[in-house]
Amino acid sequence: DEINFEDAKKREKEVRHDVMSHVYAYGLLCPKAKGIIHLGATSCYVG
């Protein structure tokens, strides 16, 4: 529930991809789990 919007927004300006920006932002909060976030999925999995 801790959505770090600014981290995601900053990342999206760089990569132009909303899902990967939020994978990155979630990974900042979850360093131990960042490697398995979105594993095997495509953007439409969450979208």
ModelCIF file with pLDDT and N, C-alpha, C, O atoms, coordinates in Angstrom:
data_MODEL
#
_entry.id   MODEL 
#
_entity.id                         1 
_entity.type                       polymer 
_entity.pdbx_number_of_molecules   1 
#
_entity_poly.entity_id                      1 
_entity_poly.type                           'polypeptide(L)' 
_entity_poly.nstd_linkage                   no 
_entity_poly.nstd_monomer                   no 
_entity_poly.pdbx_seq_one_letter_code       DEINFEDAKKREKEVRHDVMSHVYAYGLLCPKAKGIIHLGATSCYVG 
_entity_poly.pdbx_seq_one_letter_code_can   DEINFEDAKKREKEVRHDVMSHVYAYGLLCPKAKGIIHLGATSCYVG 
_entity_poly.pdbx_strand_id                 A 
#
loop_
_entity_poly_seq.entity_id 
_entity_poly_seq.num 
_entity_poly_seq.mon_id 
_entity_poly_seq.hetero 
1 1  ASP n 
1 2  GLU n 
1 3  ILE n 
1 4  ASN n 
1 5  PHE n 
1 6  GLU n 
1 7  ASP n 
1 8  ALA n 
1 9  LYS n 
1 10 LYS n 
1 11 ARG n 
1 12 GLU n 
1 13 LYS n 
1 14 GLU n 
1 15 VAL n 
1 16 ARG n 
1 17 HIS n 
1 18 ASP n 
1 19 VAL n 
1 20 MET n 
1 21 SER n 
1 22 HIS n 
1 23 VAL n 
1 24 TYR n 
1 25 ALA n 
1 26 TYR n 
1 27 GLY n 
1 28 LEU n 
1 29 LEU n 
1 30 CYS n 
1 31 PRO n 
1 32 LYS n 
1 33 ALA n 
1 34 LYS n 
1 35 GLY n 
1 36 ILE n 
1 37 ILE n 
1 38 HIS n 
1 39 LEU n 
1 40 GLY n 
1 41 ALA n 
1 42 THR n 
1 43 SER n 
1 44 CYS n 
1 45 TYR n 
1 46 VAL n 
1 47 GLY n 
#
_struct_asym.id          A 
_struct_asym.entity_id   1 
#
loop_
_ma_qa_metric.id 
_ma_qa_metric.mode 
_ma_qa_metric.name 
_ma_qa_metric.software_group_id 
_ma_qa_metric.type 
1 global pLDDT . pLDDT 
2 local  pLDDT . pLDDT 
#
_ma_qa_metric_global.metric_id      1 
_ma_qa_metric_global.metric_value   96.17 
_ma_qa_metric_global.model_id       1 
_ma_qa_metric_global.ordinal_id     1 
#
loop_
_ma_qa_metric_local.label_asym_id 
_ma_qa_metric_local.label_comp_id 
_ma_qa_metric_local.label_seq_id 
_ma_qa_metric_local.metric_id 
_ma_qa_metric_local.metric_value 
_ma_qa_metric_local.model_id 
_ma_qa_metric_local.ordinal_id 
A ASP 1  2 97.00 1 1  
A GLU 2  2 97.00 1 2  
A ILE 3  2 97.00 1 3  
A ASN 4  2 97.00 1 4  
A PHE 5  2 96.00 1 5  
A GLU 6  2 97.00 1 6  
A ASP 7  2 96.00 1 7  
A ALA 8  2 96.00 1 8  
A LYS 9  2 96.00 1 9  
A LYS 10 2 96.00 1 10 
A ARG 11 2 96.00 1 11 
A GLU 12 2 95.00 1 12 
A LYS 13 2 94.00 1 13 
A GLU 14 2 95.00 1 14 
A VAL 15 2 94.00 1 15 
A ARG 16 2 92.00 1 16 
A HIS 17 2 93.00 1 17 
A ASP 18 2 93.00 1 18 
A VAL 19 2 96.00 1 19 
A MET 20 2 96.00 1 20 
A SER 21 2 97.00 1 21 
A HIS 22 2 97.00 1 22 
A VAL 23 2 97.00 1 23 
A TYR 24 2 97.00 1 24 
A ALA 25 2 97.00 1 25 
A TYR 26 2 98.00 1 26 
A GLY 27 2 97.00 1 27 
A LEU 28 2 97.00 1 28 
A LEU 29 2 98.00 1 29 
A CYS 30 2 98.00 1 30 
A PRO 31 2 97.00 1 31 
A LYS 32 2 97.00 1 32 
A ALA 33 2 98.00 1 33 
A LYS 34 2 95.00 1 34 
A GLY 35 2 96.00 1 35 
A ILE 36 2 97.00 1 36 
A ILE 37 2 98.00 1 37 
A HIS 38 2 97.00 1 38 
A LEU 39 2 96.00 1 39 
A GLY 40 2 95.00 1 40 
A ALA 41 2 95.00 1 41 
A THR 42 2 94.00 1 42 
A SER 43 2 95.00 1 43 
A CYS 44 2 96.00 1 44 
A TYR 45 2 97.00 1 45 
A VAL 46 2 98.00 1 46 
A GLY 47 2 97.00 1 47 
#
loop_
_atom_site.group_PDB 
_atom_site.id 
_atom_site.type_symbol 
_atom_site.label_atom_id 
_atom_site.label_alt_id 
_atom_site.label_comp_id 
_atom_site.label_asym_id 
_atom_site.label_entity_id 
_atom_site.label_seq_id 
_atom_site.pdbx_PDB_ins_code 
_atom_site.Cartn_x 
_atom_site.Cartn_y 
_atom_site.Cartn_z 
_atom_site.occupancy 
_atom_site.B_iso_or_equiv 
_atom_site.pdbx_formal_charge 
_atom_site.auth_seq_id 
_atom_site.auth_comp_id 
_atom_site.auth_asym_id 
_atom_site.auth_atom_id 
_atom_site.pdbx_PDB_model_num 
ATOM 1   N N  . ASP A 1 1  ? 0.810  -1.227  0.000   1.00 97.00 ? 1  ASP A N  1 
ATOM 2   C CA . ASP A 1 1  ? 0.000  0.000   0.000   1.00 97.00 ? 1  ASP A CA 1 
ATOM 3   C C  . ASP A 1 1  ? 0.839  1.271   0.000   1.00 97.00 ? 1  ASP A C  1 
ATOM 4   O O  . ASP A 1 1  ? 0.300  2.376   0.056   1.00 97.00 ? 1  ASP A O  1 
ATOM 5   N N  . GLU A 1 2  ? 2.140  1.115   -0.062  1.00 97.00 ? 2  GLU A N  1 
ATOM 6   C CA . GLU A 1 2  ? 3.061  2.255   0.010   1.00 97.00 ? 2  GLU A CA 1 
ATOM 7   C C  . GLU A 1 2  ? 3.499  2.631   -1.412  1.00 97.00 ? 2  GLU A C  1 
ATOM 8   O O  . GLU A 1 2  ? 4.603  2.293   -1.840  1.00 97.00 ? 2  GLU A O  1 
ATOM 9   N N  . ILE A 1 3  ? 2.636  3.321   -2.122  1.00 97.00 ? 3  ILE A N  1 
ATOM 10  C CA . ILE A 1 3  ? 2.914  3.631   -3.527  1.00 97.00 ? 3  ILE A CA 1 
ATOM 11  C C  . ILE A 1 3  ? 3.839  4.842   -3.611  1.00 97.00 ? 3  ILE A C  1 
ATOM 12  O O  . ILE A 1 3  ? 3.450  5.962   -3.279  1.00 97.00 ? 3  ILE A O  1 
ATOM 13  N N  . ASN A 1 4  ? 5.055  4.602   -4.056  1.00 97.00 ? 4  ASN A N  1 
ATOM 14  C CA . ASN A 1 4  ? 6.027  5.693   -4.203  1.00 97.00 ? 4  ASN A CA 1 
ATOM 15  C C  . ASN A 1 4  ? 5.902  6.296   -5.608  1.00 97.00 ? 4  ASN A C  1 
ATOM 16  O O  . ASN A 1 4  ? 6.672  5.992   -6.520  1.00 97.00 ? 4  ASN A O  1 
ATOM 17  N N  . PHE A 1 5  ? 4.899  7.160   -5.733  1.00 96.00 ? 5  PHE A N  1 
ATOM 18  C CA . PHE A 1 5  ? 4.537  7.730   -7.024  1.00 96.00 ? 5  PHE A CA 1 
ATOM 19  C C  . PHE A 1 5  ? 5.692  8.502   -7.673  1.00 96.00 ? 5  PHE A C  1 
ATOM 20  O O  . PHE A 1 5  ? 5.915  8.386   -8.878  1.00 96.00 ? 5  PHE A O  1 
ATOM 21  N N  . GLU A 1 6  ? 6.405  9.269   -6.898  1.00 97.00 ? 6  GLU A N  1 
ATOM 22  C CA . GLU A 1 6  ? 7.451  10.111  -7.483  1.00 97.00 ? 6  GLU A CA 1 
ATOM 23  C C  . GLU A 1 6  ? 8.579  9.277   -8.075  1.00 97.00 ? 6  GLU A C  1 
ATOM 24  O O  . GLU A 1 6  ? 9.133  9.627   -9.117  1.00 97.00 ? 6  GLU A O  1 
ATOM 25  N N  . ASP A 1 7  ? 8.920  8.177   -7.414  1.00 96.00 ? 7  ASP A N  1 
ATOM 26  C CA . ASP A 1 7  ? 9.954  7.288   -7.961  1.00 96.00 ? 7  ASP A CA 1 
ATOM 27  C C  . ASP A 1 7  ? 9.506  6.710   -9.301  1.00 96.00 ? 7  ASP A C  1 
ATOM 28  O O  . ASP A 1 7  ? 10.283 6.640   -10.254 1.00 96.00 ? 7  ASP A O  1 
ATOM 29  N N  . ALA A 1 8  ? 8.234  6.295   -9.359  1.00 96.00 ? 8  ALA A N  1 
ATOM 30  C CA . ALA A 1 8  ? 7.703  5.713   -10.599 1.00 96.00 ? 8  ALA A CA 1 
ATOM 31  C C  . ALA A 1 8  ? 7.632  6.765   -11.707 1.00 96.00 ? 8  ALA A C  1 
ATOM 32  O O  . ALA A 1 8  ? 7.953  6.488   -12.863 1.00 96.00 ? 8  ALA A O  1 
ATOM 33  N N  . LYS A 1 9  ? 7.208  7.969   -11.340 1.00 96.00 ? 9  LYS A N  1 
ATOM 34  C CA . LYS A 1 9  ? 7.074  9.043   -12.324 1.00 96.00 ? 9  LYS A CA 1 
ATOM 35  C C  . LYS A 1 9  ? 8.433  9.414   -12.914 1.00 96.00 ? 9  LYS A C  1 
ATOM 36  O O  . LYS A 1 9  ? 8.566  9.612   -14.122 1.00 96.00 ? 9  LYS A O  1 
ATOM 37  N N  . LYS A 1 10 ? 9.419  9.503   -12.060 1.00 96.00 ? 10 LYS A N  1 
ATOM 38  C CA . LYS A 1 10 ? 10.772 9.844   -12.516 1.00 96.00 ? 10 LYS A CA 1 
ATOM 39  C C  . LYS A 1 10 ? 11.316 8.763   -13.446 1.00 96.00 ? 10 LYS A C  1 
ATOM 40  O O  . LYS A 1 10 ? 11.940 9.060   -14.464 1.00 96.00 ? 10 LYS A O  1 
ATOM 41  N N  . ARG A 1 11 ? 11.070 7.505   -13.082 1.00 96.00 ? 11 ARG A N  1 
ATOM 42  C CA . ARG A 1 11 ? 11.563 6.388   -13.886 1.00 96.00 ? 11 ARG A CA 1 
ATOM 43  C C  . ARG A 1 11 ? 10.849 6.330   -15.243 1.00 96.00 ? 11 ARG A C  1 
ATOM 44  O O  . ARG A 1 11 ? 11.468 6.011   -16.258 1.00 96.00 ? 11 ARG A O  1 
ATOM 45  N N  . GLU A 1 12 ? 9.545  6.640   -15.258 1.00 95.00 ? 12 GLU A N  1 
ATOM 46  C CA . GLU A 1 12 ? 8.790  6.569   -16.514 1.00 95.00 ? 12 GLU A CA 1 
ATOM 47  C C  . GLU A 1 12 ? 9.290  7.605   -17.517 1.00 95.00 ? 12 GLU A C  1 
ATOM 48  O O  . GLU A 1 12 ? 9.236  7.371   -18.725 1.00 95.00 ? 12 GLU A O  1 
ATOM 49  N N  . LYS A 1 13 ? 9.771  8.735   -17.035 1.00 94.00 ? 13 LYS A N  1 
ATOM 50  C CA . LYS A 1 13 ? 10.334 9.742   -17.939 1.00 94.00 ? 13 LYS A CA 1 
ATOM 51  C C  . LYS A 1 13 ? 11.562 9.204   -18.658 1.00 94.00 ? 13 LYS A C  1 
ATOM 52  O O  . LYS A 1 13 ? 11.868 9.600   -19.783 1.00 94.00 ? 13 LYS A O  1 
ATOM 53  N N  . GLU A 1 14 ? 12.255 8.299   -17.991 1.00 95.00 ? 14 GLU A N  1 
ATOM 54  C CA . GLU A 1 14 ? 13.471 7.726   -18.562 1.00 95.00 ? 14 GLU A CA 1 
ATOM 55  C C  . GLU A 1 14 ? 13.165 6.564   -19.509 1.00 95.00 ? 14 GLU A C  1 
ATOM 56  O O  . GLU A 1 14 ? 13.722 6.483   -20.604 1.00 95.00 ? 14 GLU A O  1 
ATOM 57  N N  . VAL A 1 15 ? 12.270 5.662   -19.076 1.00 94.00 ? 15 VAL A N  1 
ATOM 58  C CA . VAL A 1 15 ? 12.071 4.421   -19.838 1.00 94.00 ? 15 VAL A CA 1 
ATOM 59  C C  . VAL A 1 15 ? 10.808 4.421   -20.690 1.00 94.00 ? 15 VAL A C  1 
ATOM 60  O O  . VAL A 1 15 ? 10.643 3.546   -21.540 1.00 94.00 ? 15 VAL A O  1 
ATOM 61  N N  . ARG A 1 16 ? 9.903  5.394   -20.480 1.00 92.00 ? 16 ARG A N  1 
ATOM 62  C CA . ARG A 1 16 ? 8.667  5.508   -21.264 1.00 92.00 ? 16 ARG A CA 1 
ATOM 63  C C  . ARG A 1 16 ? 7.809  4.241   -21.173 1.00 92.00 ? 16 ARG A C  1 
ATOM 64  O O  . ARG A 1 16 ? 7.213  3.820   -22.164 1.00 92.00 ? 16 ARG A O  1 
ATOM 65  N N  . HIS A 1 17 ? 7.749  3.646   -19.998 1.00 93.00 ? 17 HIS A N  1 
ATOM 66  C CA . HIS A 1 17 ? 6.957  2.421   -19.832 1.00 93.00 ? 17 HIS A CA 1 
ATOM 67  C C  . HIS A 1 17 ? 6.381  2.411   -18.419 1.00 93.00 ? 17 HIS A C  1 
ATOM 68  O O  . HIS A 1 17 ? 7.119  2.313   -17.439 1.00 93.00 ? 17 HIS A O  1 
ATOM 69  N N  . ASP A 1 18 ? 5.056  2.514   -18.325 1.00 93.00 ? 18 ASP A N  1 
ATOM 70  C CA . ASP A 1 18 ? 4.451  2.670   -17.004 1.00 93.00 ? 18 ASP A CA 1 
ATOM 71  C C  . ASP A 1 18 ? 4.599  1.432   -16.126 1.00 93.00 ? 18 ASP A C  1 
ATOM 72  O O  . ASP A 1 18 ? 4.853  1.553   -14.927 1.00 93.00 ? 18 ASP A O  1 
ATOM 73  N N  . VAL A 1 19 ? 4.443  0.234   -16.711 1.00 96.00 ? 19 VAL A N  1 
ATOM 74  C CA . VAL A 1 19 ? 4.530  -0.978  -15.889 1.00 96.00 ? 19 VAL A CA 1 
ATOM 75  C C  . VAL A 1 19 ? 5.946  -1.174  -15.363 1.00 96.00 ? 19 VAL A C  1 
ATOM 76  O O  . VAL A 1 19 ? 6.138  -1.425  -14.173 1.00 96.00 ? 19 VAL A O  1 
ATOM 77  N N  . MET A 1 20 ? 6.921  -1.062  -16.228 1.00 96.00 ? 20 MET A N  1 
ATOM 78  C CA . MET A 1 20 ? 8.303  -1.254  -15.770 1.00 96.00 ? 20 MET A CA 1 
ATOM 79  C C  . MET A 1 20 ? 8.732  -0.168  -14.793 1.00 96.00 ? 20 MET A C  1 
ATOM 80  O O  . MET A 1 20 ? 9.598  -0.403  -13.950 1.00 96.00 ? 20 MET A O  1 
ATOM 81  N N  . SER A 1 21 ? 8.145  1.001   -14.894 1.00 97.00 ? 21 SER A N  1 
ATOM 82  C CA . SER A 1 21 ? 8.444  2.077   -13.933 1.00 97.00 ? 21 SER A CA 1 
ATOM 83  C C  . SER A 1 21 ? 7.944  1.700   -12.543 1.00 97.00 ? 21 SER A C  1 
ATOM 84  O O  . SER A 1 21 ? 8.602  1.981   -11.541 1.00 97.00 ? 21 SER A O  1 
ATOM 85  N N  . HIS A 1 22 ? 6.777  1.063   -12.489 1.00 97.00 ? 22 HIS A N  1 
ATOM 86  C CA . HIS A 1 22 ? 6.242  0.672   -11.189 1.00 97.00 ? 22 HIS A CA 1 
ATOM 87  C C  . HIS A 1 22 ? 6.872  -0.618  -10.675 1.00 97.00 ? 22 HIS A C  1 
ATOM 88  O O  . HIS A 1 22 ? 6.923  -0.829  -9.463  1.00 97.00 ? 22 HIS A O  1 
ATOM 89  N N  . VAL A 1 23 ? 7.349  -1.481  -11.560 1.00 97.00 ? 23 VAL A N  1 
ATOM 90  C CA . VAL A 1 23 ? 8.157  -2.621  -11.114 1.00 97.00 ? 23 VAL A CA 1 
ATOM 91  C C  . VAL A 1 23 ? 9.417  -2.087  -10.423 1.00 97.00 ? 23 VAL A C  1 
ATOM 92  O O  . VAL A 1 23 ? 9.812  -2.565  -9.360  1.00 97.00 ? 23 VAL A O  1 
ATOM 93  N N  . TYR A 1 24 ? 10.026 -1.098  -11.047 1.00 97.00 ? 24 TYR A N  1 
ATOM 94  C CA . TYR A 1 24 ? 11.235 -0.480  -10.484 1.00 97.00 ? 24 TYR A CA 1 
ATOM 95  C C  . TYR A 1 24 ? 10.933 0.179   -9.136  1.00 97.00 ? 24 TYR A C  1 
ATOM 96  O O  . TYR A 1 24 ? 11.672 -0.008  -8.169  1.00 97.00 ? 24 TYR A O  1 
ATOM 97  N N  . ALA A 1 25 ? 9.838  0.954   -9.078  1.00 97.00 ? 25 ALA A N  1 
ATOM 98  C CA . ALA A 1 25 ? 9.501  1.659   -7.835  1.00 97.00 ? 25 ALA A CA 1 
ATOM 99  C C  . ALA A 1 25 ? 9.195  0.681   -6.708  1.00 97.00 ? 25 ALA A C  1 
ATOM 100 O O  . ALA A 1 25 ? 9.613  0.893   -5.570  1.00 97.00 ? 25 ALA A O  1 
ATOM 101 N N  . TYR A 1 26 ? 8.474  -0.381  -7.017  1.00 98.00 ? 26 TYR A N  1 
ATOM 102 C CA . TYR A 1 26 ? 8.170  -1.409  -6.008  1.00 98.00 ? 26 TYR A CA 1 
ATOM 103 C C  . TYR A 1 26 ? 9.465  -2.076  -5.539  1.00 98.00 ? 26 TYR A C  1 
ATOM 104 O O  . TYR A 1 26 ? 9.621  -2.386  -4.358  1.00 98.00 ? 26 TYR A O  1 
ATOM 105 N N  . GLY A 1 27 ? 10.393 -2.292  -6.483  1.00 97.00 ? 27 GLY A N  1 
ATOM 106 C CA . GLY A 1 27 ? 11.678 -2.901  -6.147  1.00 97.00 ? 27 GLY A CA 1 
ATOM 107 C C  . GLY A 1 27 ? 12.522 -2.047  -5.220  1.00 97.00 ? 27 GLY A C  1 
ATOM 108 O O  . GLY A 1 27 ? 13.292 -2.575  -4.417  1.00 97.00 ? 27 GLY A O  1 
ATOM 109 N N  . LEU A 1 28 ? 12.383 -0.715  -5.325  1.00 97.00 ? 28 LEU A N  1 
ATOM 110 C CA . LEU A 1 28 ? 13.111 0.163   -4.408  1.00 97.00 ? 28 LEU A CA 1 
ATOM 111 C C  . LEU A 1 28 ? 12.670 -0.065  -2.967  1.00 97.00 ? 28 LEU A C  1 
ATOM 112 O O  . LEU A 1 28 ? 13.476 0.021   -2.041  1.00 97.00 ? 28 LEU A O  1 
ATOM 113 N N  . LEU A 1 29 ? 11.379 -0.357  -2.786  1.00 98.00 ? 29 LEU A N  1 
ATOM 114 C CA . LEU A 1 29 ? 10.850 -0.596  -1.449  1.00 98.00 ? 29 LEU A CA 1 
ATOM 115 C C  . LEU A 1 29 ? 11.085 -2.034  -0.990  1.00 98.00 ? 29 LEU A C  1 
ATOM 116 O O  . LEU A 1 29 ? 11.081 -2.322  0.207   1.00 98.00 ? 29 LEU A O  1 
ATOM 117 N N  . CYS A 1 30 ? 11.290 -2.925  -1.949  1.00 98.00 ? 30 CYS A N  1 
ATOM 118 C CA . CYS A 1 30 ? 11.436 -4.356  -1.652  1.00 98.00 ? 30 CYS A CA 1 
ATOM 119 C C  . CYS A 1 30 ? 12.732 -4.882  -2.265  1.00 98.00 ? 30 CYS A C  1 
ATOM 120 O O  . CYS A 1 30 ? 12.685 -5.649  -3.227  1.00 98.00 ? 30 CYS A O  1 
ATOM 121 N N  . PRO A 1 31 ? 13.880 -4.489  -1.732  1.00 97.00 ? 31 PRO A N  1 
ATOM 122 C CA . PRO A 1 31 ? 15.159 -4.879  -2.351  1.00 97.00 ? 31 PRO A CA 1 
ATOM 123 C C  . PRO A 1 31 ? 15.383 -6.393  -2.391  1.00 97.00 ? 31 PRO A C  1 
ATOM 124 O O  . PRO A 1 31 ? 16.026 -6.896  -3.312  1.00 97.00 ? 31 PRO A O  1 
ATOM 125 N N  . LYS A 1 32 ? 14.863 -7.116  -1.409  1.00 97.00 ? 32 LYS A N  1 
ATOM 126 C CA . LYS A 1 32 ? 15.044 -8.572  -1.395  1.00 97.00 ? 32 LYS A CA 1 
ATOM 127 C C  . LYS A 1 32 ? 14.168 -9.262  -2.448  1.00 97.00 ? 32 LYS A C  1 
ATOM 128 O O  . LYS A 1 32 ? 14.510 -10.331 -2.953  1.00 97.00 ? 32 LYS A O  1 
ATOM 129 N N  . ALA A 1 33 ? 13.049 -8.640  -2.763  1.00 98.00 ? 33 ALA A N  1 
ATOM 130 C CA . ALA A 1 33 ? 12.095 -9.282  -3.678  1.00 98.00 ? 33 ALA A CA 1 
ATOM 131 C C  . ALA A 1 33 ? 12.131 -8.694  -5.081  1.00 98.00 ? 33 ALA A C  1 
ATOM 132 O O  . ALA A 1 33 ? 11.428 -9.186  -5.963  1.00 98.00 ? 33 ALA A O  1 
ATOM 133 N N  . LYS A 1 34 ? 12.927 -7.657  -5.315  1.00 95.00 ? 34 LYS A N  1 
ATOM 134 C CA . LYS A 1 34 ? 12.835 -6.960  -6.595  1.00 95.00 ? 34 LYS A CA 1 
ATOM 135 C C  . LYS A 1 34 ? 13.118 -7.866  -7.791  1.00 95.00 ? 34 LYS A C  1 
ATOM 136 O O  . LYS A 1 34 ? 12.598 -7.631  -8.883  1.00 95.00 ? 34 LYS A O  1 
ATOM 137 N N  . GLY A 1 35 ? 13.925 -8.883  -7.596  1.00 96.00 ? 35 GLY A N  1 
ATOM 138 C CA . GLY A 1 35 ? 14.275 -9.780  -8.691  1.00 96.00 ? 35 GLY A CA 1 
ATOM 139 C C  . GLY A 1 35 ? 13.172 -10.716 -9.128  1.00 96.00 ? 35 GLY A C  1 
ATOM 140 O O  . GLY A 1 35 ? 13.244 -11.295 -10.212 1.00 96.00 ? 35 GLY A O  1 
ATOM 141 N N  . ILE A 1 36 ? 12.137 -10.876 -8.292  1.00 97.00 ? 36 ILE A N  1 
ATOM 142 C CA . ILE A 1 36 ? 11.057 -11.805 -8.661  1.00 97.00 ? 36 ILE A CA 1 
ATOM 143 C C  . ILE A 1 36 ? 9.731  -11.082 -8.919  1.00 97.00 ? 36 ILE A C  1 
ATOM 144 O O  . ILE A 1 36 ? 8.709  -11.724 -9.165  1.00 97.00 ? 36 ILE A O  1 
ATOM 145 N N  . ILE A 1 37 ? 9.751  -9.753  -8.864  1.00 98.00 ? 37 ILE A N  1 
ATOM 146 C CA . ILE A 1 37 ? 8.527  -8.998  -9.186  1.00 98.00 ? 37 ILE A CA 1 
ATOM 147 C C  . ILE A 1 37 ? 8.249  -9.115  -10.683 1.00 98.00 ? 37 ILE A C  1 
ATOM 148 O O  . ILE A 1 37 ? 9.138  -8.867  -11.498 1.00 98.00 ? 37 ILE A O  1 
ATOM 149 N N  . HIS A 1 38 ? 7.025  -9.491  -11.049 1.00 97.00 ? 38 HIS A N  1 
ATOM 150 C CA . HIS A 1 38 ? 6.595  -9.540  -12.455 1.00 97.00 ? 38 HIS A CA 1 
ATOM 151 C C  . HIS A 1 38 ? 7.259  -10.694 -13.213 1.00 97.00 ? 38 HIS A C  1 
ATOM 152 O O  . HIS A 1 38 ? 7.357  -10.648 -14.439 1.00 97.00 ? 38 HIS A O  1 
ATOM 153 N N  . LEU A 1 39 ? 7.716  -11.725 -12.499 1.00 96.00 ? 39 LEU A N  1 
ATOM 154 C CA . LEU A 1 39 ? 8.473  -12.812 -13.108 1.00 96.00 ? 39 LEU A CA 1 
ATOM 155 C C  . LEU A 1 39 ? 7.611  -13.616 -14.082 1.00 96.00 ? 39 LEU A C  1 
ATOM 156 O O  . LEU A 1 39 ? 6.588  -14.182 -13.697 1.00 96.00 ? 39 LEU A O  1 
ATOM 157 N N  . GLY A 1 40 ? 8.031  -13.659 -15.340 1.00 95.00 ? 40 GLY A N  1 
ATOM 158 C CA . GLY A 1 40 ? 7.324  -14.428 -16.360 1.00 95.00 ? 40 GLY A CA 1 
ATOM 159 C C  . GLY A 1 40 ? 6.125  -13.730 -16.963 1.00 95.00 ? 40 GLY A C  1 
ATOM 160 O O  . GLY A 1 40 ? 5.472  -14.275 -17.853 1.00 95.00 ? 40 GLY A O  1 
ATOM 161 N N  . ALA A 1 41 ? 5.827  -12.531 -16.492 1.00 95.00 ? 41 ALA A N  1 
ATOM 162 C CA . ALA A 1 41 ? 4.600  -11.844 -16.913 1.00 95.00 ? 41 ALA A CA 1 
ATOM 163 C C  . ALA A 1 41 ? 4.898  -10.786 -17.977 1.00 95.00 ? 41 ALA A C  1 
ATOM 164 O O  . ALA A 1 41 ? 6.044  -10.376 -18.165 1.00 95.00 ? 41 ALA A O  1 
ATOM 165 N N  . THR A 1 42 ? 3.850  -10.359 -18.660 1.00 94.00 ? 42 THR A N  1 
ATOM 166 C CA . THR A 1 42 ? 3.927  -9.209  -19.554 1.00 94.00 ? 42 THR A CA 1 
ATOM 167 C C  . THR A 1 42 ? 3.086  -8.087  -18.966 1.00 94.00 ? 42 THR A C  1 
ATOM 168 O O  . THR A 1 42 ? 2.364  -8.296  -17.991 1.00 94.00 ? 42 THR A O  1 
ATOM 169 N N  . SER A 1 43 ? 3.173  -6.899  -19.551 1.00 95.00 ? 43 SER A N  1 
ATOM 170 C CA . SER A 1 43 ? 2.512  -5.731  -18.966 1.00 95.00 ? 43 SER A CA 1 
ATOM 171 C C  . SER A 1 43 ? 1.021  -5.945  -18.765 1.00 95.00 ? 43 SER A C  1 
ATOM 172 O O  . SER A 1 43 ? 0.447  -5.464  -17.788 1.00 95.00 ? 43 SER A O  1 
ATOM 173 N N  . CYS A 1 44 ? 0.394  -6.664  -19.684 1.00 96.00 ? 44 CYS A N  1 
ATOM 174 C CA . CYS A 1 44 ? -1.052 -6.865  -19.583 1.00 96.00 ? 44 CYS A CA 1 
ATOM 175 C C  . CYS A 1 44 ? -1.443 -7.708  -18.381 1.00 96.00 ? 44 CYS A C  1 
ATOM 176 O O  . CYS A 1 44 ? -2.610 -7.735  -17.989 1.00 96.00 ? 44 CYS A O  1 
ATOM 177 N N  . TYR A 1 45 ? -0.468 -8.397  -17.794 1.00 97.00 ? 45 TYR A N  1 
ATOM 178 C CA . TYR A 1 45 ? -0.801 -9.160  -16.584 1.00 97.00 ? 45 TYR A CA 1 
ATOM 179 C C  . TYR A 1 45 ? -1.362 -8.226  -15.517 1.00 97.00 ? 45 TYR A C  1 
ATOM 180 O O  . TYR A 1 45 ? -2.390 -8.520  -14.907 1.00 97.00 ? 45 TYR A O  1 
ATOM 181 N N  . VAL A 1 46 ? -0.684 -7.100  -15.293 1.00 98.00 ? 46 VAL A N  1 
ATOM 182 C CA . VAL A 1 46 ? -1.222 -6.156  -14.309 1.00 98.00 ? 46 VAL A CA 1 
ATOM 183 C C  . VAL A 1 46 ? -2.255 -5.228  -14.928 1.00 98.00 ? 46 VAL A C  1 
ATOM 184 O O  . VAL A 1 46 ? -3.272 -4.935  -14.301 1.00 98.00 ? 46 VAL A O  1 
ATOM 185 N N  . GLY A 1 47 ? -2.010 -4.759  -16.151 1.00 97.00 ? 47 GLY A N  1 
ATOM 186 C CA . GLY A 1 47 ? -2.923 -3.800  -16.768 1.00 97.00 ? 47 GLY A CA 1 
ATOM 187 C C  . GLY A 1 47 ? -4.308 -4.372  -17.007 1.00 97.00 ? 47 GLY A C  1 
ATOM 188 O O  . GLY A 1 47 ? -5.183 -3.675  -17.521 1.00 97.00 ? 47 GLY A O  1 
#
